[in-house]
Amino acid sequence: MTTHQLKLATEPFAAIASGRKTIESRLYDTKRQKIQIGDRIIFTNRDNSEQTVTTEVVGLLRYATFRDLFSHNNPRKFGSDNVEWLENQISEFYSIEDQKIYGVIGIEFRVCQ
């Protein structure tokens, strides 16, 4: 089991801490390719590094694009009711070109007690 560190803005961090968000979406780059089921991820609030949530990876959802990932899964698991909103949010971080190069991953997790 490996422990990974991921930083999040306050809103998605709070959604994970409250249990509303159970899938984190990222580019499937070399860093995320190392994540395996059973690994732990420590999410840190980017705006307050003392706030952390430890989770266990329970699923890995590979897709070609974020549109595919969000469309084939319940958007509530990503912290929203709306696929279009999720796509707009993620487009601020990842280009279509990068999605074509790497693909994307939905990292499904449960909060550790």
PDB file of N, CA and C in Angstrom:
ATOM      1  N   MET A   1       0.838  -1.181   0.000  1.00  0.00           N
ATOM      2  CA  MET A   1       0.000   0.000   0.000  1.00  0.00           C
ATOM      3  C   MET A   1       0.883   1.244   0.000  1.00  0.00           C
ATOM      4  N   THR A   2       0.556   2.169  -0.897  1.00  0.00           N
ATOM      5  CA  THR A   2       1.273   3.434  -1.015  1.00  0.00           C
ATOM      6  C   THR A   2       0.354   4.566  -0.579  1.00  0.00           C
ATOM      7  N   THR A   3       0.929   5.597   0.008  1.00  0.00           N
ATOM      8  CA  THR A   3       0.163   6.782   0.377  1.00  0.00           C
ATOM      9  C   THR A   3       0.532   7.911  -0.573  1.00  0.00           C
ATOM     10  N   HIS A   4      -0.489   8.526  -1.173  1.00  0.00           N
ATOM     11  CA  HIS A   4      -0.322   9.626  -2.118  1.00  0.00           C
ATOM     12  C   HIS A   4      -0.855  10.906  -1.478  1.00  0.00           C
ATOM     13  N   GLN A   5      -0.360  12.032  -1.939  1.00  0.00           N
ATOM     14  CA  GLN A   5      -0.789  13.341  -1.448  1.00  0.00           C
ATOM     15  C   GLN A   5      -1.419  14.110  -2.605  1.00  0.00           C
ATOM     16  N   LEU A   6      -2.621  14.651  -2.398  1.00  0.00           N
ATOM     17  CA  LEU A   6      -3.268  15.490  -3.402  1.00  0.00           C
ATOM     18  C   LEU A   6      -3.810  16.742  -2.717  1.00  0.00           C
ATOM     19  N   LYS A   7      -3.585  17.897  -3.331  1.00  0.00           N
ATOM     20  CA  LYS A   7      -4.087  19.156  -2.799  1.00  0.00           C
ATOM     21  C   LYS A   7      -5.353  19.550  -3.543  1.00  0.00           C
ATOM     22  N   LEU A   8      -6.293  20.139  -2.798  1.00  0.00           N
ATOM     23  CA  LEU A   8      -7.564  20.568  -3.364  1.00  0.00           C
ATOM     24  C   LEU A   8      -7.922  21.962  -2.872  1.00  0.00           C
ATOM     25  N   ALA A   9      -8.691  22.684  -3.675  1.00  0.00           N
ATOM     26  CA  ALA A   9      -9.267  23.950  -3.230  1.00  0.00           C
ATOM     27  C   ALA A   9     -10.270  23.665  -2.113  1.00  0.00           C
ATOM     28  N   THR A  10     -10.647  24.689  -1.391  1.00  0.00           N
ATOM     29  CA  THR A  10     -11.492  24.529  -0.200  1.00  0.00           C
ATOM     30  C   THR A  10     -12.825  23.847  -0.499  1.00  0.00           C
ATOM     31  N   GLU A  11     -13.507  24.232  -1.574  1.00  0.00           N
ATOM     32  CA  GLU A  11     -14.832  23.672  -1.855  1.00  0.00           C
ATOM     33  C   GLU A  11     -14.798  22.161  -2.114  1.00  0.00           C
ATOM     34  N   PRO A  12     -13.956  21.663  -3.027  1.00  0.00           N
ATOM     35  CA  PRO A  12     -13.919  20.204  -3.195  1.00  0.00           C
ATOM     36  C   PRO A  12     -13.371  19.476  -1.967  1.00  0.00           C
ATOM     37  N   PHE A  13     -12.456  20.107  -1.250  1.00  0.00           N
ATOM     38  CA  PHE A  13     -11.955  19.496  -0.017  1.00  0.00           C
ATOM     39  C   PHE A  13     -13.095  19.307   0.977  1.00  0.00           C
ATOM     40  N   ALA A  14     -13.908  20.343   1.151  1.00  0.00           N
ATOM     41  CA  ALA A  14     -15.040  20.270   2.082  1.00  0.00           C
ATOM     42  C   ALA A  14     -16.041  19.205   1.649  1.00  0.00           C
ATOM     43  N   ALA A  15     -16.241  19.059   0.342  1.00  0.00           N
ATOM     44  CA  ALA A  15     -17.163  18.031  -0.164  1.00  0.00           C
ATOM     45  C   ALA A  15     -16.661  16.627   0.169  1.00  0.00           C
ATOM     46  N   ILE A  16     -15.356  16.422   0.112  1.00  0.00           N
ATOM     47  CA  ILE A  16     -14.781  15.124   0.489  1.00  0.00           C
ATOM     48  C   ILE A  16     -14.903  14.915   1.992  1.00  0.00           C
ATOM     49  N   ALA A  17     -14.536  15.934   2.765  1.00  0.00           N
ATOM     50  CA  ALA A  17     -14.577  15.825   4.227  1.00  0.00           C
ATOM     51  C   ALA A  17     -15.988  15.532   4.735  1.00  0.00           C
ATOM     52  N   SER A  18     -17.000  16.063   4.052  1.00  0.00           N
ATOM     53  CA  SER A  18     -18.390  15.858   4.475  1.00  0.00           C
ATOM     54  C   SER A  18     -18.985  14.555   3.936  1.00  0.00           C
ATOM     55  N   GLY A  19     -18.274  13.895   3.003  1.00  0.00           N
ATOM     56  CA  GLY A  19     -18.783  12.659   2.415  1.00  0.00           C
ATOM     57  C   GLY A  19     -19.631  12.858   1.172  1.00  0.00           C
ATOM     58  N   ARG A  20     -19.820  14.120   0.728  1.00  0.00           N
ATOM     59  CA  ARG A  20     -20.622  14.390  -0.472  1.00  0.00           C
ATOM     60  C   ARG A  20     -19.886  14.008  -1.753  1.00  0.00           C
ATOM     61  N   LYS A  21     -18.575  14.071  -1.740  1.00  0.00           N
ATOM     62  CA  LYS A  21     -17.769  13.757  -2.925  1.00  0.00           C
ATOM     63  C   LYS A  21     -16.993  12.481  -2.656  1.00  0.00           C
ATOM     64  N   THR A  22     -17.156  11.479  -3.549  1.00  0.00           N
ATOM     65  CA  THR A  22     -16.489  10.192  -3.346  1.00  0.00           C
ATOM     66  C   THR A  22     -15.630   9.770  -4.542  1.00  0.00           C
ATOM     67  N   ILE A  23     -15.531  10.637  -5.558  1.00  0.00           N
ATOM     68  CA  ILE A  23     -14.654  10.383  -6.702  1.00  0.00           C
ATOM     69  C   ILE A  23     -13.902  11.668  -7.022  1.00  0.00           C
ATOM     70  N   GLU A  24     -12.600  11.568  -7.100  1.00  0.00           N
ATOM     71  CA  GLU A  24     -11.749  12.689  -7.521  1.00  0.00           C
ATOM     72  C   GLU A  24     -11.341  12.443  -8.968  1.00  0.00           C
ATOM     73  N   SER A  25     -11.500  13.443  -9.816  1.00  0.00           N
ATOM     74  CA  SER A  25     -11.161  13.313 -11.236  1.00  0.00           C
ATOM     75  C   SER A  25      -9.838  14.013 -11.522  1.00  0.00           C
ATOM     76  N   ARG A  26      -8.975  13.289 -12.215  1.00  0.00           N
ATOM     77  CA  ARG A  26      -7.649  13.819 -12.559  1.00  0.00           C
ATOM     78  C   ARG A  26      -7.232  13.312 -13.936  1.00  0.00           C
ATOM     79  N   LEU A  27      -6.239  13.967 -14.500  1.00  0.00           N
ATOM     80  CA  LEU A  27      -5.600  13.482 -15.708  1.00  0.00           C
ATOM     81  C   LEU A  27      -4.868  12.188 -15.369  1.00  0.00           C
ATOM     82  N   TYR A  28      -4.857  11.230 -16.269  1.00  0.00           N
ATOM     83  CA  TYR A  28      -4.176   9.957 -16.004  1.00  0.00           C
ATOM     84  C   TYR A  28      -2.706  10.063 -16.434  1.00  0.00           C
ATOM     85  N   ASP A  29      -2.013  11.007 -15.816  1.00  0.00           N
ATOM     86  CA  ASP A  29      -0.598  11.236 -16.113  1.00  0.00           C
ATOM     87  C   ASP A  29       0.270  10.259 -15.317  1.00  0.00           C
ATOM     88  N   THR A  30       1.568  10.396 -15.414  1.00  0.00           N
ATOM     89  CA  THR A  30       2.465   9.427 -14.770  1.00  0.00           C
ATOM     90  C   THR A  30       2.289   9.399 -13.252  1.00  0.00           C
ATOM     91  N   LYS A  31       1.969  10.533 -12.644  1.00  0.00           N
ATOM     92  CA  LYS A  31       1.754  10.567 -11.196  1.00  0.00           C
ATOM     93  C   LYS A  31       0.533   9.735 -10.806  1.00  0.00           C
ATOM     94  N   ARG A  32      -0.585   9.904 -11.536  1.00  0.00           N
ATOM     95  CA  ARG A  32      -1.815   9.172 -11.213  1.00  0.00           C
ATOM     96  C   ARG A  32      -1.771   7.712 -11.651  1.00  0.00           C
ATOM     97  N   GLN A  33      -0.907   7.373 -12.585  1.00  0.00           N
ATOM     98  CA  GLN A  33      -0.773   5.977 -13.004  1.00  0.00           C
ATOM     99  C   GLN A  33      -0.215   5.098 -11.889  1.00  0.00           C
ATOM    100  N   LYS A  34       0.387   5.707 -10.887  1.00  0.00           N
ATOM    101  CA  LYS A  34       0.955   4.958  -9.757  1.00  0.00           C
ATOM    102  C   LYS A  34      -0.099   4.587  -8.710  1.00  0.00           C
ATOM    103  N   ILE A  35      -1.276   5.191  -8.784  1.00  0.00           N
ATOM    104  CA  ILE A  35      -2.328   4.946  -7.789  1.00  0.00           C
ATOM    105  C   ILE A  35      -2.991   3.602  -8.057  1.00  0.00           C
ATOM    106  N   GLN A  36      -3.106   2.795  -7.007  1.00  0.00           N
ATOM    107  CA  GLN A  36      -3.703   1.460  -7.106  1.00  0.00           C
ATOM    108  C   GLN A  36      -4.840   1.319  -6.088  1.00  0.00           C
ATOM    109  N   ILE A  37      -5.759   0.412  -6.355  1.00  0.00           N
ATOM    110  CA  ILE A  37      -6.813   0.103  -5.392  1.00  0.00           C
ATOM    111  C   ILE A  37      -6.148  -0.377  -4.101  1.00  0.00           C
ATOM    112  N   GLY A  38      -6.629   0.116  -2.973  1.00  0.00           N
ATOM    113  CA  GLY A  38      -6.051  -0.211  -1.671  1.00  0.00           C
ATOM    114  C   GLY A  38      -5.070   0.830  -1.170  1.00  0.00           C
ATOM    115  N   ASP A  39      -4.566   1.686  -2.069  1.00  0.00           N
ATOM    116  CA  ASP A  39      -3.670   2.770  -1.644  1.00  0.00           C
ATOM    117  C   ASP A  39      -4.454   3.795  -0.829  1.00  0.00           C
ATOM    118  N   ARG A  40      -3.720   4.620  -0.116  1.00  0.00           N
ATOM    119  CA  ARG A  40      -4.331   5.724   0.625  1.00  0.00           C
ATOM    120  C   ARG A  40      -3.991   7.032  -0.087  1.00  0.00           C
ATOM    121  N   ILE A  41      -4.932   7.955  -0.004  1.00  0.00           N
ATOM    122  CA  ILE A  41      -4.700   9.309  -0.495  1.00  0.00           C
ATOM    123  C   ILE A  41      -5.003  10.258   0.653  1.00  0.00           C
ATOM    124  N   ILE A  42      -4.048  11.136   0.925  1.00  0.00           N
ATOM    125  CA  ILE A  42      -4.272  12.191   1.896  1.00  0.00           C
ATOM    126  C   ILE A  42      -4.571  13.457   1.107  1.00  0.00           C
ATOM    127  N   PHE A  43      -5.824  13.914   1.200  1.00  0.00           N
ATOM    128  CA  PHE A  43      -6.230  15.157   0.570  1.00  0.00           C
ATOM    129  C   PHE A  43      -5.950  16.295   1.538  1.00  0.00           C
ATOM    130  N   THR A  44      -5.327  17.350   1.029  1.00  0.00           N
ATOM    131  CA  THR A  44      -4.995  18.521   1.827  1.00  0.00           C
ATOM    132  C   THR A  44      -5.695  19.740   1.256  1.00  0.00           C
ATOM    133  N   ASN A  45      -6.277  20.540   2.121  1.00  0.00           N
ATOM    134  CA  ASN A  45      -6.897  21.791   1.705  1.00  0.00           C
ATOM    135  C   ASN A  45      -5.784  22.755   1.304  1.00  0.00           C
ATOM    136  N   ARG A  46      -5.783  23.157   0.057  1.00  0.00           N
ATOM    137  CA  ARG A  46      -4.751  24.049  -0.474  1.00  0.00           C
ATOM    138  C   ARG A  46      -4.697  25.376   0.289  1.00  0.00           C
ATOM    139  N   ASP A  47      -5.852  25.816   0.821  1.00  0.00           N
ATOM    140  CA  ASP A  47      -5.918  27.099   1.516  1.00  0.00           C
ATOM    141  C   ASP A  47      -5.620  27.008   3.010  1.00  0.00           C
ATOM    142  N   ASN A  48      -5.577  25.785   3.531  1.00  0.00           N
ATOM    143  CA  ASN A  48      -5.260  25.570   4.950  1.00  0.00           C
ATOM    144  C   ASN A  48      -4.615  24.191   5.064  1.00  0.00           C
ATOM    145  N   SER A  49      -3.308  24.141   4.968  1.00  0.00           N
ATOM    146  CA  SER A  49      -2.592  22.860   4.884  1.00  0.00           C
ATOM    147  C   SER A  49      -2.714  22.009   6.145  1.00  0.00           C
ATOM    148  N   GLU A  50      -3.265  22.562   7.209  1.00  0.00           N
ATOM    149  CA  GLU A  50      -3.486  21.762   8.412  1.00  0.00           C
ATOM    150  C   GLU A  50      -4.744  20.898   8.300  1.00  0.00           C
ATOM    151  N   GLN A  51      -5.595  21.195   7.327  1.00  0.00           N
ATOM    152  CA  GLN A  51      -6.807  20.410   7.115  1.00  0.00           C
ATOM    153  C   GLN A  51      -6.507  19.290   6.127  1.00  0.00           C
ATOM    154  N   THR A  52      -6.649  18.049   6.591  1.00  0.00           N
ATOM    155  CA  THR A  52      -6.416  16.890   5.735  1.00  0.00           C
ATOM    156  C   THR A  52      -7.527  15.859   5.946  1.00  0.00           C
ATOM    157  N   VAL A  53      -7.728  15.034   4.932  1.00  0.00           N
ATOM    158  CA  VAL A  53      -8.643  13.895   5.004  1.00  0.00           C
ATOM    159  C   VAL A  53      -7.919  12.702   4.403  1.00  0.00           C
ATOM    160  N   THR A  54      -7.849  11.606   5.145  1.00  0.00           N
ATOM    161  CA  THR A  54      -7.215  10.386   4.658  1.00  0.00           C
ATOM    162  C   THR A  54      -8.285   9.465   4.087  1.00  0.00           C
ATOM    163  N   THR A  55      -8.028   8.958   2.878  1.00  0.00           N
ATOM    164  CA  THR A  55      -8.992   8.092   2.205  1.00  0.00           C
ATOM    165  C   THR A  55      -8.297   6.828   1.710  1.00  0.00           C
ATOM    166  N   GLU A  56      -9.111   5.819   1.396  1.00  0.00           N
ATOM    167  CA  GLU A  56      -8.617   4.586   0.786  1.00  0.00           C
ATOM    168  C   GLU A  56      -9.218   4.465  -0.603  1.00  0.00           C
ATOM    169  N   VAL A  57      -8.385   4.162  -1.588  1.00  0.00           N
ATOM    170  CA  VAL A  57      -8.842   3.998  -2.975  1.00  0.00           C
ATOM    171  C   VAL A  57      -9.607   2.686  -3.092  1.00  0.00           C
ATOM    172  N   VAL A  58     -10.861   2.779  -3.564  1.00  0.00           N
ATOM    173  CA  VAL A  58     -11.699   1.587  -3.716  1.00  0.00           C
ATOM    174  C   VAL A  58     -12.057   1.308  -5.174  1.00  0.00           C
ATOM    175  N   GLY A  59     -11.740   2.235  -6.076  1.00  0.00           N
ATOM    176  CA  GLY A  59     -12.035   2.016  -7.485  1.00  0.00           C
ATOM    177  C   GLY A  59     -11.261   2.984  -8.354  1.00  0.00           C
ATOM    178  N   LEU A  60     -10.957   2.554  -9.573  1.00  0.00           N
ATOM    179  CA  LEU A  60     -10.273   3.393 -10.555  1.00  0.00           C
ATOM    180  C   LEU A  60     -11.069   3.333 -11.856  1.00  0.00           C
ATOM    181  N   LEU A  61     -11.540   4.485 -12.308  1.00  0.00           N
ATOM    182  CA  LEU A  61     -12.413   4.568 -13.472  1.00  0.00           C
ATOM    183  C   LEU A  61     -11.668   5.254 -14.610  1.00  0.00           C
ATOM    184  N   ARG A  62     -11.238   4.486 -15.603  1.00  0.00           N
ATOM    185  CA  ARG A  62     -10.464   5.036 -16.722  1.00  0.00           C
ATOM    186  C   ARG A  62     -11.377   5.399 -17.877  1.00  0.00           C
ATOM    187  N   TYR A  63     -11.180   6.603 -18.411  1.00  0.00           N
ATOM    188  CA  TYR A  63     -11.945   7.086 -19.561  1.00  0.00           C
ATOM    189  C   TYR A  63     -11.040   7.912 -20.454  1.00  0.00           C
ATOM    190  N   ALA A  64     -11.486   8.129 -21.689  1.00  0.00           N
ATOM    191  CA  ALA A  64     -10.712   8.933 -22.633  1.00  0.00           C
ATOM    192  C   ALA A  64     -10.796  10.420 -22.313  1.00  0.00           C
ATOM    193  N   THR A  65     -11.980  10.870 -21.863  1.00  0.00           N
ATOM    194  CA  THR A  65     -12.186  12.294 -21.580  1.00  0.00           C
ATOM    195  C   THR A  65     -12.981  12.469 -20.292  1.00  0.00           C
ATOM    196  N   PHE A  66     -12.918  13.673 -19.748  1.00  0.00           N
ATOM    197  CA  PHE A  66     -13.723  13.971 -18.565  1.00  0.00           C
ATOM    198  C   PHE A  66     -15.207  13.930 -18.895  1.00  0.00           C
ATOM    199  N   ARG A  67     -15.585  14.337 -20.100  1.00  0.00           N
ATOM    200  CA  ARG A  67     -16.987  14.263 -20.512  1.00  0.00           C
ATOM    201  C   ARG A  67     -17.490  12.827 -20.375  1.00  0.00           C
ATOM    202  N   ASP A  68     -16.695  11.867 -20.857  1.00  0.00           N
ATOM    203  CA  ASP A  68     -17.077  10.451 -20.750  1.00  0.00           C
ATOM    204  C   ASP A  68     -17.166  10.016 -19.288  1.00  0.00           C
ATOM    205  N   LEU A  69     -16.179  10.392 -18.496  1.00  0.00           N
ATOM    206  CA  LEU A  69     -16.151  10.030 -17.081  1.00  0.00           C
ATOM    207  C   LEU A  69     -17.388  10.547 -16.359  1.00  0.00           C
ATOM    208  N   PHE A  70     -17.690  11.832 -16.544  1.00  0.00           N
ATOM    209  CA  PHE A  70     -18.828  12.436 -15.852  1.00  0.00           C
ATOM    210  C   PHE A  70     -20.161  11.912 -16.369  1.00  0.00           C
ATOM    211  N   SER A  71     -20.246  11.639 -17.670  1.00  0.00           N
ATOM    212  CA  SER A  71     -21.504  11.184 -18.274  1.00  0.00           C
ATOM    213  C   SER A  71     -21.858   9.751 -17.891  1.00  0.00           C
ATOM    214  N   HIS A  72     -20.857   8.923 -17.623  1.00  0.00           N
ATOM    215  CA  HIS A  72     -21.089   7.515 -17.332  1.00  0.00           C
ATOM    216  C   HIS A  72     -21.168   7.207 -15.836  1.00  0.00           C
ATOM    217  N   ASN A  73     -21.099   8.233 -15.009  1.00  0.00           N
ATOM    218  CA  ASN A  73     -21.149   8.052 -13.558  1.00  0.00           C
ATOM    219  C   ASN A  73     -22.067   9.108 -12.960  1.00  0.00           C
ATOM    220  N   ASN A  74     -22.575   8.844 -11.771  1.00  0.00           N
ATOM    221  CA  ASN A  74     -23.459   9.784 -11.104  1.00  0.00           C
ATOM    222  C   ASN A  74     -22.675  11.057 -10.766  1.00  0.00           C
ATOM    223  N   PRO A  75     -23.071  12.216 -11.297  1.00  0.00           N
ATOM    224  CA  PRO A  75     -22.312  13.445 -11.030  1.00  0.00           C
ATOM    225  C   PRO A  75     -22.239  13.809  -9.551  1.00  0.00           C
ATOM    226  N   ARG A  76     -23.173  13.318  -8.751  1.00  0.00           N
ATOM    227  CA  ARG A  76     -23.126  13.607  -7.311  1.00  0.00           C
ATOM    228  C   ARG A  76     -21.873  13.029  -6.660  1.00  0.00           C
ATOM    229  N   LYS A  77     -21.371  11.931  -7.222  1.00  0.00           N
ATOM    230  CA  LYS A  77     -20.150  11.342  -6.667  1.00  0.00           C
ATOM    231  C   LYS A  77     -18.939  12.254  -6.862  1.00  0.00           C
ATOM    232  N   PHE A  78     -19.058  13.204  -7.806  1.00  0.00           N
ATOM    233  CA  PHE A  78     -17.996  14.181  -8.056  1.00  0.00           C
ATOM    234  C   PHE A  78     -18.255  15.498  -7.333  1.00  0.00           C
ATOM    235  N   GLY A  79     -19.360  15.544  -6.571  1.00  0.00           N
ATOM    236  CA  GLY A  79     -19.679  16.733  -5.800  1.00  0.00           C
ATOM    237  C   GLY A  79     -20.603  17.718  -6.488  1.00  0.00           C
ATOM    238  N   SER A  80     -21.319  17.288  -7.549  1.00  0.00           N
ATOM    239  CA  SER A  80     -22.222  18.190  -8.260  1.00  0.00           C
ATOM    240  C   SER A  80     -23.421  17.413  -8.792  1.00  0.00           C
ATOM    241  N   ASP A  81     -24.484  18.139  -9.111  1.00  0.00           N
ATOM    242  CA  ASP A  81     -25.649  17.519  -9.731  1.00  0.00           C
ATOM    243  C   ASP A  81     -25.610  17.636 -11.246  1.00  0.00           C
ATOM    244  N   ASN A  82     -24.614  18.329 -11.786  1.00  0.00           N
ATOM    245  CA  ASN A  82     -24.655  18.742 -13.175  1.00  0.00           C
ATOM    246  C   ASN A  82     -23.368  18.396 -13.922  1.00  0.00           C
ATOM    247  N   VAL A  83     -23.490  17.573 -14.963  1.00  0.00           N
ATOM    248  CA  VAL A  83     -22.327  17.156 -15.762  1.00  0.00           C
ATOM    249  C   VAL A  83     -21.673  18.353 -16.438  1.00  0.00           C
ATOM    250  N   GLU A  84     -22.465  19.268 -16.982  1.00  0.00           N
ATOM    251  CA  GLU A  84     -21.906  20.435 -17.679  1.00  0.00           C
ATOM    252  C   GLU A  84     -21.092  21.310 -16.724  1.00  0.00           C
ATOM    253  N   TRP A  85     -21.600  21.485 -15.502  1.00  0.00           N
ATOM    254  CA  TRP A  85     -20.862  22.269 -14.514  1.00  0.00           C
ATOM    255  C   TRP A  85     -19.514  21.606 -14.222  1.00  0.00           C
ATOM    256  N   LEU A  86     -19.526  20.284 -14.048  1.00  0.00           N
ATOM    257  CA  LEU A  86     -18.279  19.560 -13.789  1.00  0.00           C
ATOM    258  C   LEU A  86     -17.293  19.744 -14.938  1.00  0.00           C
ATOM    259  N   GLU A  87     -17.791  19.642 -16.168  1.00  0.00           N
ATOM    260  CA  GLU A  87     -16.916  19.819 -17.336  1.00  0.00           C
ATOM    261  C   GLU A  87     -16.310  21.218 -17.370  1.00  0.00           C
ATOM    262  N   ASN A  88     -17.119  22.230 -17.076  1.00  0.00           N
ATOM    263  CA  ASN A  88     -16.604  23.603 -17.061  1.00  0.00           C
ATOM    264  C   ASN A  88     -15.541  23.790 -15.993  1.00  0.00           C
ATOM    265  N   GLN A  89     -15.756  23.217 -14.818  1.00  0.00           N
ATOM    266  CA  GLN A  89     -14.787  23.327 -13.730  1.00  0.00           C
ATOM    267  C   GLN A  89     -13.458  22.669 -14.104  1.00  0.00           C
ATOM    268  N   ILE A  90     -13.529  21.456 -14.617  1.00  0.00           N
ATOM    269  CA  ILE A  90     -12.299  20.699 -14.904  1.00  0.00           C
ATOM    270  C   ILE A  90     -11.526  21.310 -16.080  1.00  0.00           C
ATOM    271  N   SER A  91     -12.246  21.993 -16.989  1.00  0.00           N
ATOM    272  CA  SER A  91     -11.571  22.597 -18.147  1.00  0.00           C
ATOM    273  C   SER A  91     -10.651  23.738 -17.737  1.00  0.00           C
ATOM    274  N   GLU A  92     -10.831  24.265 -16.526  1.00  0.00           N
ATOM    275  CA  GLU A  92      -9.920  25.292 -16.016  1.00  0.00           C
ATOM    276  C   GLU A  92      -8.541  24.720 -15.703  1.00  0.00           C
ATOM    277  N   PHE A  93      -8.468  23.399 -15.495  1.00  0.00           N
ATOM    278  CA  PHE A  93      -7.218  22.756 -15.101  1.00  0.00           C
ATOM    279  C   PHE A  93      -6.589  21.924 -16.214  1.00  0.00           C
ATOM    280  N   TYR A  94      -7.425  21.260 -17.031  1.00  0.00           N
ATOM    281  CA  TYR A  94      -6.914  20.306 -18.006  1.00  0.00           C
ATOM    282  C   TYR A  94      -7.481  20.584 -19.390  1.00  0.00           C
ATOM    283  N   SER A  95      -6.602  20.654 -20.374  1.00  0.00           N
ATOM    284  CA  SER A  95      -7.026  20.909 -21.753  1.00  0.00           C
ATOM    285  C   SER A  95      -7.504  19.620 -22.423  1.00  0.00           C
ATOM    286  N   ILE A  96      -8.266  19.777 -23.495  1.00  0.00           N
ATOM    287  CA  ILE A  96      -8.694  18.632 -24.306  1.00  0.00           C
ATOM    288  C   ILE A  96      -7.460  17.918 -24.859  1.00  0.00           C
ATOM    289  N   GLU A  97      -6.432  18.674 -25.224  1.00  0.00           N
ATOM    290  CA  GLU A  97      -5.201  18.077 -25.763  1.00  0.00           C
ATOM    291  C   GLU A  97      -4.554  17.143 -24.745  1.00  0.00           C
ATOM    292  N   ASP A  98      -4.467  17.589 -23.486  1.00  0.00           N
ATOM    293  CA  ASP A  98      -3.887  16.738 -22.443  1.00  0.00           C
ATOM    294  C   ASP A  98      -4.746  15.501 -22.206  1.00  0.00           C
ATOM    295  N   GLN A  99      -6.064  15.655 -22.276  1.00  0.00           N
ATOM    296  CA  GLN A  99      -6.950  14.501 -22.118  1.00  0.00           C
ATOM    297  C   GLN A  99      -6.697  13.474 -23.221  1.00  0.00           C
ATOM    298  N   LYS A 100      -6.459  13.953 -24.445  1.00  0.00           N
ATOM    299  CA  LYS A 100      -6.194  13.041 -25.563  1.00  0.00           C
ATOM    300  C   LYS A 100      -4.851  12.329 -25.387  1.00  0.00           C
ATOM    301  N   ILE A 101      -3.884  13.012 -24.804  1.00  0.00           N
ATOM    302  CA  ILE A 101      -2.556  12.417 -24.602  1.00  0.00           C
ATOM    303  C   ILE A 101      -2.591  11.367 -23.489  1.00  0.00           C
ATOM    304  N   TYR A 102      -3.171  11.709 -22.333  1.00  0.00           N
ATOM    305  CA  TYR A 102      -3.084  10.866 -21.145  1.00  0.00           C
ATOM    306  C   TYR A 102      -4.333  10.052 -20.832  1.00  0.00           C
ATOM    307  N   GLY A 103      -5.504  10.532 -21.260  1.00  0.00           N
ATOM    308  CA  GLY A 103      -6.741   9.961 -20.759  1.00  0.00           C
ATOM    309  C   GLY A 103      -7.012  10.524 -19.380  1.00  0.00           C
ATOM    310  N   VAL A 104      -8.104  10.079 -18.764  1.00  0.00           N
ATOM    311  CA  VAL A 104      -8.470  10.602 -17.451  1.00  0.00           C
ATOM    312  C   VAL A 104      -8.789   9.448 -16.513  1.00  0.00           C
ATOM    313  N   ILE A 105      -8.807   9.757 -15.224  1.00  0.00           N
ATOM    314  CA  ILE A 105      -9.099   8.745 -14.200  1.00  0.00           C
ATOM    315  C   ILE A 105     -10.051   9.336 -13.168  1.00  0.00           C
ATOM    316  N   GLY A 106     -11.005   8.539 -12.778  1.00  0.00           N
ATOM    317  CA  GLY A 106     -11.839   8.857 -11.630  1.00  0.00           C
ATOM    318  C   GLY A 106     -11.350   7.991 -10.486  1.00  0.00           C
ATOM    319  N   ILE A 107     -10.873   8.603  -9.439  1.00  0.00           N
ATOM    320  CA  ILE A 107     -10.327   7.859  -8.300  1.00  0.00           C
ATOM    321  C   ILE A 107     -11.436   7.772  -7.257  1.00  0.00           C
ATOM    322  N   GLU A 108     -12.024   6.582  -7.128  1.00  0.00           N
ATOM    323  CA  GLU A 108     -13.107   6.383  -6.170  1.00  0.00           C
ATOM    324  C   GLU A 108     -12.507   5.999  -4.818  1.00  0.00           C
ATOM    325  N   PHE A 109     -13.009   6.617  -3.753  1.00  0.00           N
ATOM    326  CA  PHE A 109     -12.399   6.413  -2.436  1.00  0.00           C
ATOM    327  C   PHE A 109     -13.457   6.398  -1.352  1.00  0.00           C
ATOM    328  N   ARG A 110     -13.024   5.954  -0.185  1.00  0.00           N
ATOM    329  CA  ARG A 110     -13.843   6.070   1.028  1.00  0.00           C
ATOM    330  C   ARG A 110     -12.961   6.708   2.083  1.00  0.00           C
ATOM    331  N   VAL A 111     -13.582   7.538   2.905  1.00  0.00           N
ATOM    332  CA  VAL A 111     -12.851   8.221   3.971  1.00  0.00           C
ATOM    333  C   VAL A 111     -12.509   7.212   5.050  1.00  0.00           C
ATOM    334  N   CYS A 112     -11.267   7.228   5.502  1.00  0.00           N
ATOM    335  CA  CYS A 112     -10.821   6.337   6.573  1.00  0.00           C
ATOM    336  C   CYS A 112     -11.234   6.925   7.917  1.00  0.00           C
ATOM    337  N   GLN A 113     -11.592   6.054   8.820  1.00  0.00           N
ATOM    338  CA  GLN A 113     -12.013   6.498  10.163  1.00  0.00           C
ATOM    339  C   GLN A 113     -10.819   6.658  11.072  1.00  0.00           C
TER     340      GLN A 113
END
